[in-house]
Amino acid sequence: VVPELRREFGVPVVAIVRDGRYVVRSLMARGCYQREGYPPIEADHIQGVEGRARLDWDTVSAFAKCCWYWATTYRLLERQNVPLYYLEKLNADYDYFEGLCDVLGLTVQQGDWQQHAGKRTNVSVEDEGPPVWGAAQWAQFGALAGDVQRRLGYPL
């Protein structure tokens, strides 16, 4: 999809990264993949790259699907050379944020950034700390997403 976006629209494509542990917790709190049935619509694009060969979609838990989705998304973005920007750093460092703005051709004054930086929107989980998962879930997260989590510099 990224090459097509670049070719058709001539736009810069970037991705914002967030710690996979918190993304999976948020996806679970929102009920993602809780219903039986279909794989994600993008599975057709992913097959052959990561695909469902690595994940038996009909038998794994919603938790496993969320782990897989987060990790597979960033594997694909990395393969397509999409610049990654870290959400935590965008909220904490104006100069870093300004670098993203430069890539996108935007100007945001530091005062405007300060008004919004670090503010949580669309909050689905109130807990600020690491997710509270059982040993089996931590092991599953490590197996499905641990390589990406580590490569992106986040702890397991």
Protein backbone atom coordinates (compact mmCIF):
# COMPACT_ATOMS: atom_id res chain seq x y z
CA VAL A 1 0.00 0.00 0.00
CA VAL A 2 2.82 2.45 0.82
CA PRO A 3 4.40 2.45 -2.65
CA GLU A 4 0.96 3.07 -4.15
CA LEU A 5 0.32 6.00 -1.81
CA ARG A 6 3.65 7.52 -2.66
CA ARG A 7 3.19 6.99 -6.40
CA GLU A 8 -0.45 8.04 -6.69
CA PHE A 9 -0.52 10.97 -4.30
CA GLY A 10 3.12 12.01 -4.04
CA VAL A 11 2.78 12.33 -0.30
CA PRO A 12 5.25 11.49 2.44
CA VAL A 13 4.23 8.39 4.35
CA VAL A 14 5.25 8.10 7.99
CA ALA A 15 4.15 5.92 10.87
CA ILE A 16 3.81 6.72 14.53
CA VAL A 17 5.03 3.95 16.81
CA ARG A 18 3.71 3.20 20.27
CA ASP A 19 4.89 0.53 22.70
CA GLY A 20 3.21 -2.71 21.60
CA ARG A 21 2.26 -3.64 25.15
CA TYR A 22 0.08 -0.56 25.43
CA VAL A 23 -1.35 -0.91 21.94
CA VAL A 24 -2.40 -4.50 22.57
CA ARG A 25 -3.92 -3.54 25.93
CA SER A 26 -5.86 -0.74 24.23
CA LEU A 27 -7.04 -2.98 21.39
CA MET A 28 -8.25 -5.56 23.89
CA ALA A 29 -10.07 -2.91 25.96
CA ARG A 30 -11.83 -1.79 22.77
CA GLY A 31 -12.94 -5.33 21.96
CA CYS A 32 -10.86 -5.81 18.82
CA TYR A 33 -11.05 -9.29 17.34
CA GLN A 34 -13.36 -10.44 20.15
CA ARG A 35 -15.96 -11.73 17.72
CA GLU A 36 -15.48 -14.92 15.81
CA GLY A 37 -14.93 -14.86 12.14
CA TYR A 38 -13.06 -12.93 9.57
CA PRO A 39 -9.37 -12.07 9.51
CA PRO A 40 -8.55 -8.40 9.05
CA ILE A 41 -9.30 -7.02 5.61
CA GLU A 42 -5.60 -6.40 5.03
CA ALA A 43 -4.80 -10.10 5.49
CA ASP A 44 -4.98 -10.56 1.73
CA HIS A 45 -2.19 -8.02 1.30
CA ILE A 46 -0.17 -9.57 4.10
CA GLN A 47 -0.35 -13.21 3.02
CA GLY A 48 2.92 -14.32 1.57
CA VAL A 49 4.74 -11.68 3.61
CA GLU A 50 3.62 -12.56 7.12
CA GLY A 51 0.18 -13.88 6.44
CA ARG A 52 -1.98 -16.18 8.40
CA ALA A 53 0.51 -18.99 7.87
CA ARG A 54 2.06 -17.82 11.11
CA LEU A 55 -1.29 -17.51 12.87
CA ASP A 56 -4.25 -19.90 12.67
CA TRP A 57 -6.85 -17.16 12.66
CA ASP A 58 -9.81 -19.43 13.43
CA THR A 59 -8.35 -20.90 16.61
CA VAL A 60 -6.22 -18.26 18.33
CA SER A 61 -7.45 -15.84 20.97
CA ALA A 62 -8.34 -12.21 20.41
CA PHE A 63 -5.23 -11.38 22.44
CA ALA A 64 -3.00 -13.30 20.00
CA LYS A 65 -4.67 -11.58 17.06
CA CYS A 66 -3.99 -8.15 18.57
CA CYS A 67 -0.33 -9.05 19.19
CA TRP A 68 0.00 -10.35 15.64
CA TYR A 69 -1.69 -7.28 14.16
CA TRP A 70 0.58 -4.80 15.96
CA ALA A 71 3.78 -6.68 15.12
CA THR A 72 2.85 -7.42 11.51
CA THR A 73 1.92 -3.80 10.86
CA TYR A 74 5.37 -2.60 11.89
CA ARG A 75 7.18 -5.42 10.11
CA LEU A 76 5.50 -4.35 6.89
CA LEU A 77 6.14 -0.65 7.47
CA GLU A 78 9.82 -1.36 8.12
CA ARG A 79 10.08 -3.41 4.93
CA GLN A 80 8.61 -0.54 2.96
CA ASN A 81 11.11 1.92 4.46
CA VAL A 82 8.47 4.02 6.17
CA PRO A 83 10.06 6.47 8.62
CA LEU A 84 8.93 5.68 12.15
CA TYR A 85 8.29 8.33 14.79
CA TYR A 86 7.86 7.39 18.43
CA LEU A 87 4.67 8.66 20.06
CA GLU A 88 6.31 8.97 23.45
CA LYS A 89 9.07 11.15 22.04
CA LEU A 90 6.65 13.22 19.92
CA ASN A 91 4.86 14.09 23.16
CA ALA A 92 8.03 14.90 25.09
CA ASP A 93 10.41 16.61 22.67
CA TYR A 94 9.35 19.57 20.54
CA ASP A 95 12.46 19.38 18.33
CA TYR A 96 11.67 15.74 17.53
CA PHE A 97 8.05 16.68 16.84
CA GLU A 98 9.23 19.52 14.62
CA GLY A 99 11.27 17.00 12.60
CA LEU A 100 8.06 15.12 11.83
CA CYS A 101 6.33 18.38 10.93
CA ASP A 102 9.17 19.19 8.51
CA VAL A 103 8.72 15.86 6.74
CA LEU A 104 4.98 16.49 6.43
CA GLY A 105 5.37 20.12 5.39
CA LEU A 106 3.60 21.43 8.49
CA THR A 107 4.33 24.23 10.90
CA VAL A 108 3.21 23.94 14.51
CA GLN A 109 4.30 26.56 17.00
CA GLN A 110 5.88 25.30 20.20
CA GLY A 111 3.11 26.85 22.32
CA ASP A 112 0.45 24.99 20.35
CA TRP A 113 2.42 21.76 20.67
CA GLN A 114 2.73 22.28 24.44
CA GLN A 115 -1.06 22.61 24.77
CA HIS A 116 -1.58 19.17 23.28
CA ALA A 117 1.61 17.19 23.91
CA GLY A 118 1.10 14.36 26.33
CA LYS A 119 -2.67 14.80 26.49
CA ARG A 120 -4.45 11.52 26.14
CA THR A 121 -7.36 11.30 23.73
CA ASN A 122 -9.57 8.33 22.97
CA VAL A 123 -8.51 6.77 26.27
CA SER A 124 -9.73 3.20 26.56
CA VAL A 125 -7.70 2.17 29.61
CA GLU A 126 -7.09 4.29 32.68
CA ASP A 127 -4.09 2.34 33.96
CA GLU A 128 -0.84 4.18 33.33
CA GLY A 129 1.50 1.30 34.15
CA PRO A 130 2.44 -1.79 32.19
CA PRO A 131 -0.38 -4.15 31.28
CA VAL A 132 -1.43 -6.71 33.85
CA TRP A 133 -1.32 -9.97 31.93
CA GLY A 134 -0.84 -13.55 32.99
CA ALA A 135 2.33 -15.50 32.26
CA ALA A 136 0.72 -17.17 29.22
CA GLN A 137 -0.19 -13.81 27.69
CA TRP A 138 3.28 -12.39 28.28
CA ALA A 139 4.75 -15.49 26.62
CA GLN A 140 2.35 -15.15 23.69
CA PHE A 141 3.15 -11.45 23.28
CA GLY A 142 6.86 -12.31 23.30
CA ALA A 143 6.39 -15.06 20.72
CA LEU A 144 4.23 -13.04 18.33
CA ALA A 145 5.57 -9.52 18.80
CA GLY A 146 8.73 -9.69 20.89
CA ASP A 147 11.13 -9.32 17.98
CA VAL A 148 9.43 -6.12 16.82
CA GLN A 149 9.06 -4.80 20.36
CA ARG A 150 12.80 -5.20 20.96
CA ARG A 151 13.83 -3.90 17.54
CA LEU A 152 11.81 -0.75 18.15
CA GLY A 153 13.60 -0.30 21.47
CA TYR A 154 10.76 -1.15 23.83
CA PRO A 155 11.11 -3.57 26.75
CA LEU A 156 9.22 -6.84 26.91
